[in-house]
């Protein structure tokens, strides 16, 4: 199925990434041109998560991905977790969000899990 690259629609909150001790880079976001049989668009998010202060992170980190339609309504979400015990400097972010509308904005938010 054909897709569109929509990385330009991504909004990252760098101050929250800094607080969590990570940096998200190398992002590529794409969406299928047409909805699937359930009426959902498949949004693929790929990138890298790196530790800002060396090779470890102090806390577990949650990455929340929210998709918004043209009315600024949340139409799809996903969450990816990174454990501080298993984090060795760099990890791959590879997630799929099933969006109930065509996404025109995507917000990626990092949060410390205590």
PDB file of N, CA and C in Angstrom:
ATOM      1  N   UNK A   1       0.846  -1.177   0.000  1.00  0.00           N
ATOM      2  CA  UNK A   1       0.000   0.000   0.000  1.00  0.00           C
ATOM      3  C   UNK A   1       0.898   1.250   0.000  1.00  0.00           C
ATOM      4  N   UNK A   2       0.643   2.201  -0.885  1.00  0.00           N
ATOM      5  CA  UNK A   2       1.455   3.432  -0.935  1.00  0.00           C
ATOM      6  C   UNK A   2       1.341   4.235   0.364  1.00  0.00           C
ATOM      7  N   UNK A   3       2.418   4.984   0.657  1.00  0.00           N
ATOM      8  CA  UNK A   3       2.428   5.780   1.881  1.00  0.00           C
ATOM      9  C   UNK A   3       2.980   7.171   1.597  1.00  0.00           C
ATOM     10  N   UNK A   4       2.758   8.073   2.565  1.00  0.00           N
ATOM     11  CA  UNK A   4       3.310   9.423   2.509  1.00  0.00           C
ATOM     12  C   UNK A   4       4.252   9.608   3.682  1.00  0.00           C
ATOM     13  N   UNK A   5       5.363  10.259   3.423  1.00  0.00           N
ATOM     14  CA  UNK A   5       6.296  10.600   4.495  1.00  0.00           C
ATOM     15  C   UNK A   5       5.820  11.918   5.102  1.00  0.00           C
ATOM     16  N   UNK A   6       5.530  11.916   6.420  1.00  0.00           N
ATOM     17  CA  UNK A   6       4.952  13.098   7.074  1.00  0.00           C
ATOM     18  C   UNK A   6       5.784  13.545   8.283  1.00  0.00           C
ATOM     19  N   UNK A   7       7.083  13.335   8.216  1.00  0.00           N
ATOM     20  CA  UNK A   7       7.959  13.725   9.322  1.00  0.00           C
ATOM     21  C   UNK A   7       7.814  15.210   9.644  1.00  0.00           C
ATOM     22  N   UNK A   8       7.531  16.029   8.637  1.00  0.00           N
ATOM     23  CA  UNK A   8       7.383  17.476   8.850  1.00  0.00           C
ATOM     24  C   UNK A   8       6.210  17.817   9.777  1.00  0.00           C
ATOM     25  N   UNK A   9       5.321  16.881  10.029  1.00  0.00           N
ATOM     26  CA  UNK A   9       4.156  17.094  10.906  1.00  0.00           C
ATOM     27  C   UNK A   9       4.480  16.851  12.376  1.00  0.00           C
ATOM     28  N   UNK A  10       5.698  16.404  12.686  1.00  0.00           N
ATOM     29  CA  UNK A  10       6.067  16.010  14.045  1.00  0.00           C
ATOM     30  C   UNK A  10       6.460  17.227  14.878  1.00  0.00           C
ATOM     31  N   UNK A  11       5.919  17.257  16.096  1.00  0.00           N
ATOM     32  CA  UNK A  11       6.335  18.245  17.096  1.00  0.00           C
ATOM     33  C   UNK A  11       6.951  17.481  18.257  1.00  0.00           C
ATOM     34  N   UNK A  12       8.234  17.778  18.527  1.00  0.00           N
ATOM     35  CA  UNK A  12       8.915  17.192  19.686  1.00  0.00           C
ATOM     36  C   UNK A  12       8.989  18.253  20.770  1.00  0.00           C
ATOM     37  N   UNK A  13       8.966  17.819  22.020  1.00  0.00           N
ATOM     38  CA  UNK A  13       9.116  18.731  23.151  1.00  0.00           C
ATOM     39  C   UNK A  13      10.497  18.493  23.747  1.00  0.00           C
ATOM     40  N   UNK A  14      11.499  19.219  23.197  1.00  0.00           N
ATOM     41  CA  UNK A  14      12.891  18.993  23.556  1.00  0.00           C
ATOM     42  C   UNK A  14      13.164  19.197  25.044  1.00  0.00           C
ATOM     43  N   UNK A  15      12.456  20.140  25.677  1.00  0.00           N
ATOM     44  CA  UNK A  15      12.712  20.366  27.107  1.00  0.00           C
ATOM     45  C   UNK A  15      12.298  19.157  27.946  1.00  0.00           C
ATOM     46  N   UNK A  16      11.279  18.424  27.513  1.00  0.00           N
ATOM     47  CA  UNK A  16      10.889  17.205  28.230  1.00  0.00           C
ATOM     48  C   UNK A  16      11.864  16.060  27.945  1.00  0.00           C
ATOM     49  N   UNK A  17      12.396  16.023  26.731  1.00  0.00           N
ATOM     50  CA  UNK A  17      13.432  15.035  26.414  1.00  0.00           C
ATOM     51  C   UNK A  17      14.660  15.281  27.288  1.00  0.00           C
ATOM     52  N   UNK A  18      15.062  16.547  27.397  1.00  0.00           N
ATOM     53  CA  UNK A  18      16.224  16.894  28.214  1.00  0.00           C
ATOM     54  C   UNK A  18      16.010  16.499  29.668  1.00  0.00           C
ATOM     55  N   UNK A  19      14.815  16.794  30.169  1.00  0.00           N
ATOM     56  CA  UNK A  19      14.489  16.428  31.561  1.00  0.00           C
ATOM     57  C   UNK A  19      14.567  14.921  31.774  1.00  0.00           C
ATOM     58  N   UNK A  20      14.151  14.151  30.766  1.00  0.00           N
ATOM     59  CA  UNK A  20      14.174  12.686  30.856  1.00  0.00           C
ATOM     60  C   UNK A  20      15.569  12.122  30.596  1.00  0.00           C
ATOM     61  N   UNK A  21      16.514  12.971  30.160  1.00  0.00           N
ATOM     62  CA  UNK A  21      17.881  12.513  29.929  1.00  0.00           C
ATOM     63  C   UNK A  21      18.098  11.832  28.593  1.00  0.00           C
ATOM     64  N   UNK A  22      17.206  12.123  27.628  1.00  0.00           N
ATOM     65  CA  UNK A  22      17.302  11.486  26.311  1.00  0.00           C
ATOM     66  C   UNK A  22      17.252  12.533  25.206  1.00  0.00           C
ATOM     67  N   UNK A  23      17.569  12.084  24.009  1.00  0.00           N
ATOM     68  CA  UNK A  23      17.355  12.879  22.806  1.00  0.00           C
ATOM     69  C   UNK A  23      16.773  11.963  21.742  1.00  0.00           C
ATOM     70  N   UNK A  24      15.717  12.436  21.077  1.00  0.00           N
ATOM     71  CA  UNK A  24      15.108  11.690  19.983  1.00  0.00           C
ATOM     72  C   UNK A  24      15.648  12.285  18.685  1.00  0.00           C
ATOM     73  N   UNK A  25      16.187  11.443  17.810  1.00  0.00           N
ATOM     74  CA  UNK A  25      16.755  11.938  16.556  1.00  0.00           C
ATOM     75  C   UNK A  25      16.497  10.946  15.432  1.00  0.00           C
ATOM     76  N   UNK A  26      16.850  11.351  14.229  1.00  0.00           N
ATOM     77  CA  UNK A  26      16.740  10.462  13.070  1.00  0.00           C
ATOM     78  C   UNK A  26      15.327  10.033  12.763  1.00  0.00           C
ATOM     79  N   UNK A  27      14.349  10.871  13.092  1.00  0.00           N
ATOM     80  CA  UNK A  27      12.946  10.482  12.921  1.00  0.00           C
ATOM     81  C   UNK A  27      12.539  10.363  11.460  1.00  0.00           C
ATOM     82  N   UNK A  28      11.736   9.358  11.184  1.00  0.00           N
ATOM     83  CA  UNK A  28      11.006   9.239   9.932  1.00  0.00           C
ATOM     84  C   UNK A  28       9.612   8.761  10.278  1.00  0.00           C
ATOM     85  N   UNK A  29       8.624   9.520   9.834  1.00  0.00           N
ATOM     86  CA  UNK A  29       7.226   9.179  10.099  1.00  0.00           C
ATOM     87  C   UNK A  29       6.508   9.074   8.759  1.00  0.00           C
ATOM     88  N   UNK A  30       5.773   7.991   8.582  1.00  0.00           N
ATOM     89  CA  UNK A  30       5.017   7.791   7.348  1.00  0.00           C
ATOM     90  C   UNK A  30       3.624   7.283   7.681  1.00  0.00           C
ATOM     91  N   UNK A  31       2.695   7.500   6.752  1.00  0.00           N
ATOM     92  CA  UNK A  31       1.314   7.061   6.940  1.00  0.00           C
ATOM     93  C   UNK A  31       0.832   6.457   5.622  1.00  0.00           C
ATOM     94  N   UNK A  32       0.048   5.399   5.716  1.00  0.00           N
ATOM     95  CA  UNK A  32      -0.545   4.803   4.518  1.00  0.00           C
ATOM     96  C   UNK A  32      -1.503   5.805   3.877  1.00  0.00           C
ATOM     97  N   UNK A  33      -1.524   5.837   2.554  1.00  0.00           N
ATOM     98  CA  UNK A  33      -2.381   6.765   1.811  1.00  0.00           C
ATOM     99  C   UNK A  33      -3.870   6.537   2.059  1.00  0.00           C
ATOM    100  N   UNK A  34      -4.229   5.306   2.307  1.00  0.00           N
ATOM    101  CA  UNK A  34      -5.642   4.957   2.473  1.00  0.00           C
ATOM    102  C   UNK A  34      -5.863   4.251   3.802  1.00  0.00           C
ATOM    103  N   UNK A  35      -7.061   4.425   4.333  1.00  0.00           N
ATOM    104  CA  UNK A  35      -7.435   3.736   5.570  1.00  0.00           C
ATOM    105  C   UNK A  35      -7.581   2.242   5.301  1.00  0.00           C
ATOM    106  N   UNK A  36      -7.390   1.441   6.348  1.00  0.00           N
ATOM    107  CA  UNK A  36      -7.561  -0.006   6.216  1.00  0.00           C
ATOM    108  C   UNK A  36      -9.048  -0.362   6.309  1.00  0.00           C
ATOM    109  N   UNK A  37      -9.341  -1.640   6.365  1.00  0.00           N
ATOM    110  CA  UNK A  37     -10.731  -2.109   6.392  1.00  0.00           C
ATOM    111  C   UNK A  37     -11.488  -1.620   7.631  1.00  0.00           C
ATOM    112  N   UNK A  38     -10.750  -1.302   8.725  1.00  0.00           N
ATOM    113  CA  UNK A  38     -11.372  -0.787   9.946  1.00  0.00           C
ATOM    114  C   UNK A  38     -11.501   0.733   9.942  1.00  0.00           C
ATOM    115  N   UNK A  39     -11.081   1.380   8.838  1.00  0.00           N
ATOM    116  CA  UNK A  39     -11.157   2.832   8.742  1.00  0.00           C
ATOM    117  C   UNK A  39     -10.015   3.550   9.444  1.00  0.00           C
ATOM    118  N   UNK A  40      -8.934   2.826   9.729  1.00  0.00           N
ATOM    119  CA  UNK A  40      -7.798   3.421  10.432  1.00  0.00           C
ATOM    120  C   UNK A  40      -6.597   3.573   9.496  1.00  0.00           C
ATOM    121  N   UNK A  41      -5.819   4.635   9.748  1.00  0.00           N
ATOM    122  CA  UNK A  41      -4.586   4.876   9.012  1.00  0.00           C
ATOM    123  C   UNK A  41      -3.418   4.341   9.831  1.00  0.00           C
ATOM    124  N   UNK A  42      -2.523   3.635   9.174  1.00  0.00           N
ATOM    125  CA  UNK A  42      -1.346   3.078   9.842  1.00  0.00           C
ATOM    126  C   UNK A  42      -0.215   4.107   9.767  1.00  0.00           C
ATOM    127  N   UNK A  43       0.208   4.588  10.946  1.00  0.00           N
ATOM    128  CA  UNK A  43       1.275   5.579  11.046  1.00  0.00           C
ATOM    129  C   UNK A  43       2.510   4.875  11.616  1.00  0.00           C
ATOM    130  N   UNK A  44       3.625   4.930  10.887  1.00  0.00           N
ATOM    131  CA  UNK A  44       4.877   4.301  11.328  1.00  0.00           C
ATOM    132  C   UNK A  44       5.847   5.375  11.795  1.00  0.00           C
ATOM    133  N   UNK A  45       6.398   5.180  12.989  1.00  0.00           N
ATOM    134  CA  UNK A  45       7.359   6.115  13.577  1.00  0.00           C
ATOM    135  C   UNK A  45       8.656   5.358  13.816  1.00  0.00           C
ATOM    136  N   UNK A  46       9.749   5.880  13.249  1.00  0.00           N
ATOM    137  CA  UNK A  46      11.055   5.266  13.451  1.00  0.00           C
ATOM    138  C   UNK A  46      12.065   6.356  13.781  1.00  0.00           C
ATOM    139  N   UNK A  47      13.004   6.035  14.656  1.00  0.00           N
ATOM    140  CA  UNK A  47      14.050   6.975  15.024  1.00  0.00           C
ATOM    141  C   UNK A  47      14.978   6.349  16.036  1.00  0.00           C
ATOM    142  N   UNK A  48      15.804   7.194  16.649  1.00  0.00           N
ATOM    143  CA  UNK A  48      16.742   6.730  17.666  1.00  0.00           C
ATOM    144  C   UNK A  48      16.544   7.507  18.955  1.00  0.00           C
ATOM    145  N   UNK A  49      16.714   6.803  20.065  1.00  0.00           N
ATOM    146  CA  UNK A  49      16.697   7.409  21.387  1.00  0.00           C
ATOM    147  C   UNK A  49      18.116   7.274  21.933  1.00  0.00           C
ATOM    148  N   UNK A  50      18.749   8.383  22.270  1.00  0.00           N
ATOM    149  CA  UNK A  50      20.098   8.332  22.835  1.00  0.00           C
ATOM    150  C   UNK A  50      20.108   8.989  24.209  1.00  0.00           C
ATOM    151  N   UNK A  51      20.984   8.488  25.060  1.00  0.00           N
ATOM    152  CA  UNK A  51      21.164   9.072  26.389  1.00  0.00           C
ATOM    153  C   UNK A  51      21.951  10.370  26.236  1.00  0.00           C
ATOM    154  N   UNK A  52      21.534  11.421  26.933  1.00  0.00           N
ATOM    155  CA  UNK A  52      22.229  12.710  26.868  1.00  0.00           C
ATOM    156  C   UNK A  52      23.520  12.711  27.675  1.00  0.00           C
ATOM    157  N   UNK A  53      23.546  11.963  28.761  1.00  0.00           N
ATOM    158  CA  UNK A  53      24.697  12.033  29.660  1.00  0.00           C
ATOM    159  C   UNK A  53      25.521  10.781  29.677  1.00  0.00           C
ATOM    160  N   UNK A  54      25.910  10.271  28.535  1.00  0.00           N
ATOM    161  CA  UNK A  54      26.728   9.064  28.510  1.00  0.00           C
ATOM    162  C   UNK A  54      25.980   7.890  27.931  1.00  0.00           C
ATOM    163  N   UNK A  55      26.066   6.761  28.626  1.00  0.00           N
ATOM    164  CA  UNK A  55      25.480   5.539  28.072  1.00  0.00           C
ATOM    165  C   UNK A  55      24.288   5.014  28.869  1.00  0.00           C
ATOM    166  N   UNK A  56      23.845   5.758  29.881  1.00  0.00           N
ATOM    167  CA  UNK A  56      22.715   5.284  30.683  1.00  0.00           C
ATOM    168  C   UNK A  56      21.708   6.404  30.882  1.00  0.00           C
ATOM    169  N   UNK A  57      20.510   6.013  31.293  1.00  0.00           N
ATOM    170  CA  UNK A  57      19.486   6.972  31.720  1.00  0.00           C
ATOM    171  C   UNK A  57      19.151   6.660  33.171  1.00  0.00           C
ATOM    172  N   UNK A  58      18.831   7.696  33.942  1.00  0.00           N
ATOM    173  CA  UNK A  58      18.593   7.523  35.381  1.00  0.00           C
ATOM    174  C   UNK A  58      17.253   6.885  35.704  1.00  0.00           C
ATOM    175  N   UNK A  59      16.245   7.166  34.877  1.00  0.00           N
ATOM    176  CA  UNK A  59      14.882   6.707  35.153  1.00  0.00           C
ATOM    177  C   UNK A  59      14.329   5.982  33.934  1.00  0.00           C
ATOM    178  N   UNK A  60      13.314   5.175  34.170  1.00  0.00           N
ATOM    179  CA  UNK A  60      12.561   4.614  33.058  1.00  0.00           C
ATOM    180  C   UNK A  60      11.863   5.773  32.341  1.00  0.00           C
ATOM    181  N   UNK A  61      11.734   5.648  31.025  1.00  0.00           N
ATOM    182  CA  UNK A  61      11.156   6.720  30.222  1.00  0.00           C
ATOM    183  C   UNK A  61      10.014   6.167  29.377  1.00  0.00           C
ATOM    184  N   UNK A  62       8.949   6.945  29.305  1.00  0.00           N
ATOM    185  CA  UNK A  62       7.792   6.638  28.474  1.00  0.00           C
ATOM    186  C   UNK A  62       7.765   7.664  27.338  1.00  0.00           C
ATOM    187  N   UNK A  63       7.603   7.189  26.115  1.00  0.00           N
ATOM    188  CA  UNK A  63       7.447   8.067  24.963  1.00  0.00           C
ATOM    189  C   UNK A  63       5.991   7.940  24.510  1.00  0.00           C
ATOM    190  N   UNK A  64       5.266   9.032  24.575  1.00  0.00           N
ATOM    191  CA  UNK A  64       3.857   9.054  24.176  1.00  0.00           C
ATOM    192  C   UNK A  64       3.773   9.679  22.784  1.00  0.00           C
ATOM    193  N   UNK A  65       3.075   9.027  21.880  1.00  0.00           N
ATOM    194  CA  UNK A  65       2.890   9.514  20.516  1.00  0.00           C
ATOM    195  C   UNK A  65       1.405   9.774  20.315  1.00  0.00           C
ATOM    196  N   UNK A  66       1.055  11.017  20.004  1.00  0.00           N
ATOM    197  CA  UNK A  66      -0.334  11.406  19.762  1.00  0.00           C
ATOM    198  C   UNK A  66      -0.487  11.903  18.340  1.00  0.00           C
ATOM    199  N   UNK A  67      -1.489  11.401  17.641  1.00  0.00           N
ATOM    200  CA  UNK A  67      -1.826  11.863  16.294  1.00  0.00           C
ATOM    201  C   UNK A  67      -3.074  12.729  16.372  1.00  0.00           C
ATOM    202  N   UNK A  68      -3.086  13.803  15.582  1.00  0.00           N
ATOM    203  CA  UNK A  68      -4.207  14.743  15.557  1.00  0.00           C
ATOM    204  C   UNK A  68      -4.722  14.874  14.129  1.00  0.00           C
ATOM    205  N   UNK A  69      -6.052  14.981  13.993  1.00  0.00           N
ATOM    206  CA  UNK A  69      -6.636  15.203  12.670  1.00  0.00           C
ATOM    207  C   UNK A  69      -6.690  16.703  12.376  1.00  0.00           C
ATOM    208  N   UNK A  70      -7.292  17.078  11.269  1.00  0.00           N
ATOM    209  CA  UNK A  70      -7.330  18.485  10.859  1.00  0.00           C
ATOM    210  C   UNK A  70      -8.174  19.351  11.795  1.00  0.00           C
ATOM    211  N   UNK A  71      -8.987  18.745  12.650  1.00  0.00           N
ATOM    212  CA  UNK A  71      -9.781  19.482  13.649  1.00  0.00           C
ATOM    213  C   UNK A  71      -9.073  19.576  14.992  1.00  0.00           C
ATOM    214  N   UNK A  72      -7.792  19.154  15.041  1.00  0.00           N
ATOM    215  CA  UNK A  72      -6.979  19.137  16.269  1.00  0.00           C
ATOM    216  C   UNK A  72      -7.530  18.168  17.313  1.00  0.00           C
ATOM    217  N   UNK A  73      -8.207  17.130  16.864  1.00  0.00           N
ATOM    218  CA  UNK A  73      -8.711  16.086  17.752  1.00  0.00           C
ATOM    219  C   UNK A  73      -7.697  14.945  17.771  1.00  0.00           C
ATOM    220  N   UNK A  74      -7.490  14.366  18.939  1.00  0.00           N
ATOM    221  CA  UNK A  74      -6.618  13.196  19.043  1.00  0.00           C
ATOM    222  C   UNK A  74      -7.321  12.043  18.339  1.00  0.00           C
ATOM    223  N   UNK A  75      -6.647  11.462  17.360  1.00  0.00           N
ATOM    224  CA  UNK A  75      -7.264  10.381  16.594  1.00  0.00           C
ATOM    225  C   UNK A  75      -6.472   9.079  16.668  1.00  0.00           C
ATOM    226  N   UNK A  76      -5.350   9.102  17.390  1.00  0.00           N
ATOM    227  CA  UNK A  76      -4.565   7.888  17.582  1.00  0.00           C
ATOM    228  C   UNK A  76      -3.462   8.137  18.594  1.00  0.00           C
ATOM    229  N   UNK A  77      -3.176   7.143  19.424  1.00  0.00           N
ATOM    230  CA  UNK A  77      -2.103   7.276  20.414  1.00  0.00           C
ATOM    231  C   UNK A  77      -1.368   5.954  20.560  1.00  0.00           C
ATOM    232  N   UNK A  78      -0.150   6.063  21.032  1.00  0.00           N
ATOM    233  CA  UNK A  78       0.638   4.877  21.351  1.00  0.00           C
ATOM    234  C   UNK A  78       1.668   5.274  22.399  1.00  0.00           C
ATOM    235  N   UNK A  79       2.152   4.290  23.129  1.00  0.00           N
ATOM    236  CA  UNK A  79       3.154   4.532  24.158  1.00  0.00           C
ATOM    237  C   UNK A  79       4.264   3.502  24.030  1.00  0.00           C
ATOM    238  N   UNK A  80       5.513   3.979  24.138  1.00  0.00           N
ATOM    239  CA  UNK A  80       6.681   3.119  24.090  1.00  0.00           C
ATOM    240  C   UNK A  80       7.456   3.344  25.388  1.00  0.00           C
ATOM    241  N   UNK A  81       7.899   2.254  26.019  1.00  0.00           N
ATOM    242  CA  UNK A  81       8.633   2.330  27.279  1.00  0.00           C
ATOM    243  C   UNK A  81      10.090   1.937  27.083  1.00  0.00           C
ATOM    244  N   UNK A  82      10.969   2.663  27.778  1.00  0.00           N
ATOM    245  CA  UNK A  82      12.394   2.327  27.802  1.00  0.00           C
ATOM    246  C   UNK A  82      12.810   2.193  29.261  1.00  0.00           C
ATOM    247  N   UNK A  83      13.344   1.039  29.613  1.00  0.00           N
ATOM    248  CA  UNK A  83      13.764   0.748  30.974  1.00  0.00           C
ATOM    249  C   UNK A  83      15.189   1.231  31.197  1.00  0.00           C
ATOM    250  N   UNK A  84      15.424   1.913  32.303  1.00  0.00           N
ATOM    251  CA  UNK A  84      16.784   2.373  32.619  1.00  0.00           C
ATOM    252  C   UNK A  84      17.729   1.188  32.838  1.00  0.00           C
ATOM    253  N   UNK A  85      17.204   0.067  33.305  1.00  0.00           N
ATOM    254  CA  UNK A  85      18.032  -1.127  33.530  1.00  0.00           C
ATOM    255  C   UNK A  85      18.549  -1.743  32.232  1.00  0.00           C
ATOM    256  N   UNK A  86      17.784  -1.577  31.150  1.00  0.00           N
ATOM    257  CA  UNK A  86      18.117  -2.205  29.876  1.00  0.00           C
ATOM    258  C   UNK A  86      18.633  -1.221  28.837  1.00  0.00           C
ATOM    259  N   UNK A  87      18.824   0.036  29.205  1.00  0.00           N
ATOM    260  CA  UNK A  87      19.216   1.077  28.256  1.00  0.00           C
ATOM    261  C   UNK A  87      20.735   1.229  28.263  1.00  0.00           C
ATOM    262  N   UNK A  88      21.355   1.100  27.099  1.00  0.00           N
ATOM    263  CA  UNK A  88      22.812   1.152  27.012  1.00  0.00           C
ATOM    264  C   UNK A  88      23.284   2.221  26.030  1.00  0.00           C
ATOM    265  N   UNK A  89      22.730   3.420  26.154  1.00  0.00           N
ATOM    266  CA  UNK A  89      23.213   4.549  25.369  1.00  0.00           C
ATOM    267  C   UNK A  89      22.396   4.891  24.151  1.00  0.00           C
ATOM    268  N   UNK A  90      21.943   3.877  23.428  1.00  0.00           N
ATOM    269  CA  UNK A  90      21.154   4.124  22.224  1.00  0.00           C
ATOM    270  C   UNK A  90      20.144   2.997  22.034  1.00  0.00           C
ATOM    271  N   UNK A  91      18.949   3.369  21.670  1.00  0.00           N
ATOM    272  CA  UNK A  91      17.886   2.401  21.390  1.00  0.00           C
ATOM    273  C   UNK A  91      17.144   2.852  20.138  1.00  0.00           C
ATOM    274  N   UNK A  92      16.488   1.923  19.493  1.00  0.00           N
ATOM    275  CA  UNK A  92      15.685   2.234  18.317  1.00  0.00           C
ATOM    276  C   UNK A  92      14.243   2.477  18.729  1.00  0.00           C
ATOM    277  N   UNK A  93      13.678   3.556  18.217  1.00  0.00           N
ATOM    278  CA  UNK A  93      12.247   3.827  18.367  1.00  0.00           C
ATOM    279  C   UNK A  93      11.581   3.317  17.105  1.00  0.00           C
ATOM    280  N   UNK A  94      10.710   2.348  17.245  1.00  0.00           N
ATOM    281  CA  UNK A  94      10.012   1.749  16.104  1.00  0.00           C
ATOM    282  C   UNK A  94       8.616   1.387  16.583  1.00  0.00           C
ATOM    283  N   UNK A  95       7.630   2.200  16.187  1.00  0.00           N
ATOM    284  CA  UNK A  95       6.279   2.004  16.687  1.00  0.00           C
ATOM    285  C   UNK A  95       5.270   2.264  15.578  1.00  0.00           C
ATOM    286  N   UNK A  96       4.084   1.722  15.756  1.00  0.00           N
ATOM    287  CA  UNK A  96       2.976   1.935  14.828  1.00  0.00           C
ATOM    288  C   UNK A  96       1.785   2.463  15.609  1.00  0.00           C
ATOM    289  N   UNK A  97       1.177   3.515  15.080  1.00  0.00           N
ATOM    290  CA  UNK A  97      -0.046   4.070  15.658  1.00  0.00           C
ATOM    291  C   UNK A  97      -1.161   3.847  14.643  1.00  0.00           C
ATOM    292  N   UNK A  98      -2.288   3.338  15.097  1.00  0.00           N
ATOM    293  CA  UNK A  98      -3.454   3.194  14.233  1.00  0.00           C
ATOM    294  C   UNK A  98      -4.367   4.375  14.520  1.00  0.00           C
ATOM    295  N   UNK A  99      -4.496   5.254  13.530  1.00  0.00           N
ATOM    296  CA  UNK A  99      -5.182   6.528  13.686  1.00  0.00           C
ATOM    297  C   UNK A  99      -6.562   6.480  13.047  1.00  0.00           C
ATOM    298  N   UNK A 100      -7.576   6.938  13.776  1.00  0.00           N
ATOM    299  CA  UNK A 100      -8.957   6.915  13.298  1.00  0.00           C
ATOM    300  C   UNK A 100      -9.271   8.063  12.337  1.00  0.00           C
ATOM    301  N   UNK A 101      -8.286   8.885  12.033  1.00  0.00           N
ATOM    302  CA  UNK A 101      -8.396   9.942  11.037  1.00  0.00           C
ATOM    303  C   UNK A 101      -7.023  10.165  10.438  1.00  0.00           C
ATOM    304  N   UNK A 102      -6.970  10.840   9.275  1.00  0.00           N
ATOM    305  CA  UNK A 102      -5.674  11.094   8.658  1.00  0.00           C
ATOM    306  C   UNK A 102      -4.911  12.094   9.515  1.00  0.00           C
ATOM    307  N   UNK A 103      -3.710  11.743   9.983  1.00  0.00           N
ATOM    308  CA  UNK A 103      -2.978  12.626  10.891  1.00  0.00           C
ATOM    309  C   UNK A 103      -2.327  13.800  10.154  1.00  0.00           C
ATOM    310  N   UNK A 104      -2.549  15.000  10.688  1.00  0.00           N
ATOM    311  CA  UNK A 104      -1.908  16.185  10.127  1.00  0.00           C
ATOM    312  C   UNK A 104      -0.896  16.767  11.109  1.00  0.00           C
ATOM    313  N   UNK A 105      -0.968  16.359  12.359  1.00  0.00           N
ATOM    314  CA  UNK A 105      -0.001  16.738  13.388  1.00  0.00           C
ATOM    315  C   UNK A 105       0.290  15.508  14.235  1.00  0.00           C
ATOM    316  N   UNK A 106       1.550  15.407  14.675  1.00  0.00           N
ATOM    317  CA  UNK A 106       1.962  14.317  15.553  1.00  0.00           C
ATOM    318  C   UNK A 106       2.827  14.917  16.640  1.00  0.00           C
ATOM    319  N   UNK A 107       2.491  14.613  17.888  1.00  0.00           N
ATOM    320  CA  UNK A 107       3.258  15.114  19.021  1.00  0.00           C
ATOM    321  C   UNK A 107       3.946  13.939  19.694  1.00  0.00           C
ATOM    322  N   UNK A 108       5.255  14.098  19.961  1.00  0.00           N
ATOM    323  CA  UNK A 108       6.029  13.066  20.636  1.00  0.00           C
ATOM    324  C   UNK A 108       6.503  13.648  21.960  1.00  0.00           C
ATOM    325  N   UNK A 109       6.070  13.012  23.067  1.00  0.00           N
ATOM    326  CA  UNK A 109       6.305  13.544  24.405  1.00  0.00           C
ATOM    327  C   UNK A 109       7.042  12.508  25.248  1.00  0.00           C
ATOM    328  N   UNK A 110       8.164  12.916  25.838  1.00  0.00           N
ATOM    329  CA  UNK A 110       8.932  12.050  26.738  1.00  0.00           C
ATOM    330  C   UNK A 110       8.540  12.337  28.174  1.00  0.00           C
ATOM    331  N   UNK A 111       8.420  11.282  28.975  1.00  0.00           N
ATOM    332  CA  UNK A 111       8.024  11.423  30.367  1.00  0.00           C
ATOM    333  C   UNK A 111       8.814  10.432  31.221  1.00  0.00           C
ATOM    334  N   UNK A 112       9.287  10.914  32.361  1.00  0.00           N
ATOM    335  CA  UNK A 112       9.984  10.048  33.307  1.00  0.00           C
ATOM    336  C   UNK A 112       8.951   9.198  34.045  1.00  0.00           C
ATOM    337  N   UNK A 113       9.238   7.912  34.175  1.00  0.00           N
ATOM    338  CA  UNK A 113       8.390   7.003  34.949  1.00  0.00           C
ATOM    339  C   UNK A 113       9.131   6.711  36.247  1.00  0.00           C
ATOM    340  N   UNK A 114       8.506   6.991  37.367  1.00  0.00           N
ATOM    341  CA  UNK A 114       9.172   6.807  38.669  1.00  0.00           C
ATOM    342  C   UNK A 114       8.886   5.465  39.254  1.00  0.00           C
TER     343      UNK A 114
END
